[in-house]
Amino acid sequence: MNLSDLMVIREVEPRIDRYLMSYESKPVVVRRHPALLLRPLLEVTAALIVAGVITAAVGSGPGFLVWWLWLAVVLRLAYKVFEWSDEFFIVTEHRVLLITGVLTRKVAMMPLAKVTDIALERPFIGRLIGYGTFVLESAGQDQALREVEYMPYPEQLYLEVSSVIFPAQD
């Protein structure tokens, strides 16, 4: 998959159009990397092991409550997956947006005119499974959008975003 395939998300996800100005065209639109879901997935797995051990130790009668608690952890994972599927990172020729939240929708935005630098950070695990963190530097005060974690295809996306933020001089 290349970066031009990622921009097709706009056609698949028309709900992002409500966040774009009428004059904004050709946005770069991506979801954050699914590695964002690793922690909740590990919590479900650990809770399953603990529930199995407790049930084996005390029997199915008193251990029944543990399975309800495990179900709560599974439901939390389901919510996190739904939340992840509804988050978008968008870069247009005018601004950068991060749209998050299910129950409370949050739209963090930074005008491109304020962006003075963009950095890409790749932790070790991010290098292994393919994600990175974008750090957007701006002139002046703190911005609502400074770090964006779990960005997929980090090198490709970094080049694409950099070319939008800092276009070639004619």
Protein backbone atom coordinates (compact mmCIF):
# COMPACT_ATOMS: atom_id res chain seq x y z
CA MET A 1 0.00 0.00 0.00
CA ASN A 2 1.36 3.43 -0.87
CA LEU A 3 0.42 6.84 0.41
CA SER A 4 -1.91 7.66 -2.48
CA ASP A 5 -3.98 4.66 -1.36
CA LEU A 6 -4.26 6.23 2.09
CA MET A 7 -5.77 9.40 0.70
CA VAL A 8 -8.64 7.32 -0.69
CA ILE A 9 -9.97 7.17 2.88
CA ARG A 10 -11.67 10.50 2.11
CA GLU A 11 -13.86 8.74 -0.45
CA VAL A 12 -14.51 5.87 1.97
CA GLU A 13 -15.14 8.21 4.90
CA PRO A 14 -17.33 11.09 3.69
CA ARG A 15 -17.95 12.09 7.30
CA ILE A 16 -14.63 13.96 7.32
CA ASP A 17 -16.00 16.44 4.76
CA ARG A 18 -17.90 18.24 7.51
CA TYR A 19 -14.54 19.29 8.99
CA LEU A 20 -13.11 20.64 5.73
CA MET A 21 -13.59 24.12 4.33
CA SER A 22 -15.14 24.33 0.87
CA TYR A 23 -11.85 25.60 -0.58
CA GLU A 24 -9.70 22.80 0.90
CA SER A 25 -8.87 20.12 -1.63
CA LYS A 26 -6.67 17.04 -1.87
CA PRO A 27 -6.26 16.44 1.84
CA VAL A 28 -3.97 13.78 3.23
CA VAL A 29 -6.26 11.66 5.43
CA VAL A 30 -5.14 8.71 7.53
CA ARG A 31 -6.21 6.76 10.58
CA ARG A 32 -3.73 6.29 13.35
CA HIS A 33 -1.81 3.00 13.48
CA PRO A 34 -3.66 0.04 15.05
CA ALA A 35 -0.75 -0.31 17.50
CA LEU A 36 -2.77 2.19 19.50
CA LEU A 37 -4.93 -0.81 20.43
CA LEU A 38 -2.09 -3.00 21.73
CA ARG A 39 -2.44 -1.98 25.38
CA PRO A 40 -6.21 -2.66 25.59
CA LEU A 41 -5.65 -5.96 23.77
CA LEU A 42 -2.94 -6.99 26.24
CA GLU A 43 -5.25 -6.00 29.12
CA VAL A 44 -7.98 -8.30 27.76
CA THR A 45 -5.48 -11.15 27.41
CA ALA A 46 -4.10 -10.64 30.93
CA ALA A 47 -7.62 -10.41 32.35
CA LEU A 48 -8.53 -13.67 30.58
CA ILE A 49 -5.55 -15.45 32.14
CA VAL A 50 -6.35 -14.05 35.60
CA ALA A 51 -10.03 -15.01 35.25
CA GLY A 52 -9.07 -18.54 34.22
CA VAL A 53 -6.64 -18.94 37.14
CA ILE A 54 -9.16 -17.59 39.66
CA THR A 55 -11.92 -19.82 38.31
CA ALA A 56 -9.62 -22.85 38.50
CA ALA A 57 -8.59 -21.96 42.06
CA VAL A 58 -11.98 -21.14 43.64
CA GLY A 59 -14.40 -22.95 41.36
CA SER A 60 -17.04 -21.73 38.97
CA GLY A 61 -19.47 -20.54 41.67
CA PRO A 62 -17.53 -17.64 43.25
CA GLY A 63 -15.35 -17.30 40.15
CA PHE A 64 -18.40 -16.39 38.06
CA LEU A 65 -18.09 -12.72 39.07
CA VAL A 66 -14.58 -12.63 37.62
CA TRP A 67 -15.97 -13.44 34.18
CA TRP A 68 -18.31 -10.44 34.39
CA LEU A 69 -15.29 -8.28 35.14
CA TRP A 70 -13.48 -9.81 32.17
CA LEU A 71 -16.50 -9.01 30.00
CA ALA A 72 -16.21 -5.37 31.12
CA VAL A 73 -12.58 -5.34 29.96
CA VAL A 74 -13.63 -6.84 26.60
CA LEU A 75 -16.32 -4.17 26.20
CA ARG A 76 -13.71 -1.51 26.91
CA LEU A 77 -11.56 -2.98 24.11
CA ALA A 78 -14.56 -2.90 21.77
CA TYR A 79 -15.08 0.78 22.62
CA LYS A 80 -11.38 1.52 21.96
CA VAL A 81 -11.60 -0.21 18.56
CA PHE A 82 -14.70 1.81 17.67
CA GLU A 83 -12.98 5.00 18.85
CA TRP A 84 -9.87 4.21 16.78
CA SER A 85 -11.97 3.58 13.67
CA ASP A 86 -13.51 7.05 14.02
CA GLU A 87 -10.25 9.04 14.43
CA PHE A 88 -8.58 10.83 11.55
CA PHE A 89 -5.40 12.83 10.95
CA ILE A 90 -5.93 15.33 8.12
CA VAL A 91 -3.50 17.68 6.40
CA THR A 92 -4.81 20.17 3.84
CA GLU A 93 -3.03 23.01 2.11
CA HIS A 94 -4.26 25.33 4.89
CA ARG A 95 -4.22 23.40 8.18
CA VAL A 96 -3.53 20.21 10.12
CA LEU A 97 -6.39 18.51 12.00
CA LEU A 98 -6.69 15.61 14.41
CA ILE A 99 -10.27 14.43 14.88
CA THR A 100 -10.85 12.20 17.92
CA GLY A 101 -13.56 11.09 20.29
CA VAL A 102 -16.81 9.20 20.03
CA LEU A 103 -19.07 10.56 22.75
CA THR A 104 -17.30 13.92 22.89
CA ARG A 105 -15.91 14.89 19.49
CA LYS A 106 -12.63 16.79 19.61
CA VAL A 107 -11.06 18.57 16.65
CA ALA A 108 -7.52 19.81 17.24
CA MET A 109 -6.31 22.16 14.52
CA MET A 110 -3.16 24.07 13.65
CA PRO A 111 -2.95 26.47 10.71
CA LEU A 112 -0.10 25.62 8.35
CA ALA A 113 1.09 29.22 8.55
CA LYS A 114 2.00 28.60 12.21
CA VAL A 115 3.99 25.41 11.54
CA THR A 116 7.71 26.17 11.62
CA ASP A 117 9.02 22.61 11.77
CA ILE A 118 7.86 19.01 11.74
CA ALA A 119 9.80 16.17 13.33
CA LEU A 120 9.33 12.42 13.16
CA GLU A 121 10.13 10.30 16.19
CA ARG A 122 10.22 6.50 15.96
CA PRO A 123 10.43 4.51 19.19
CA PHE A 124 11.96 1.05 18.98
CA ILE A 125 8.61 -0.76 18.98
CA GLY A 126 7.35 1.75 16.40
CA ARG A 127 10.23 0.88 14.12
CA LEU A 128 9.40 -2.80 14.48
CA ILE A 129 5.69 -2.58 13.69
CA GLY A 130 5.57 0.57 11.56
CA TYR A 131 4.44 3.69 13.39
CA GLY A 132 5.89 6.98 14.51
CA THR A 133 5.09 10.25 16.27
CA PHE A 134 4.83 13.59 14.48
CA VAL A 135 5.96 16.61 16.49
CA LEU A 136 4.71 19.87 15.03
CA GLU A 137 6.62 22.97 16.12
CA SER A 138 4.97 26.35 15.87
CA ALA A 139 5.90 29.96 16.31
CA GLY A 140 4.52 31.48 19.48
CA GLN A 141 2.28 29.87 22.07
CA ASP A 142 1.40 26.23 22.67
CA GLN A 143 -0.93 24.80 20.09
CA ALA A 144 -3.78 22.32 20.47
CA LEU A 145 -1.94 20.00 18.13
CA ARG A 146 1.71 19.43 19.03
CA GLU A 147 2.29 15.66 19.06
CA VAL A 148 0.41 13.11 17.03
CA GLU A 149 1.28 9.57 18.07
CA TYR A 150 0.82 6.28 16.25
CA MET A 151 1.10 7.60 12.69
CA PRO A 152 1.15 4.78 10.09
CA TYR A 153 3.68 4.62 7.24
CA PRO A 154 5.72 7.27 9.07
CA GLU A 155 8.45 7.99 6.52
CA GLN A 156 6.06 8.17 3.56
CA LEU A 157 3.55 10.22 5.50
CA TYR A 158 6.30 12.51 6.82
CA LEU A 159 7.42 13.29 3.27
CA GLU A 160 3.85 13.85 2.08
CA VAL A 161 2.96 16.11 5.01
CA SER A 162 6.26 17.99 4.69
CA SER A 163 5.57 18.64 1.02
CA VAL A 164 2.17 20.11 1.90
CA ILE A 165 3.50 22.19 4.81
CA PHE A 166 6.63 23.35 2.98
CA PRO A 167 5.80 23.37 -0.75
CA ALA A 168 8.53 23.66 -3.38
CA GLN A 169 9.55 27.23 -4.17
CA ASP A 170 9.22 28.19 -7.84
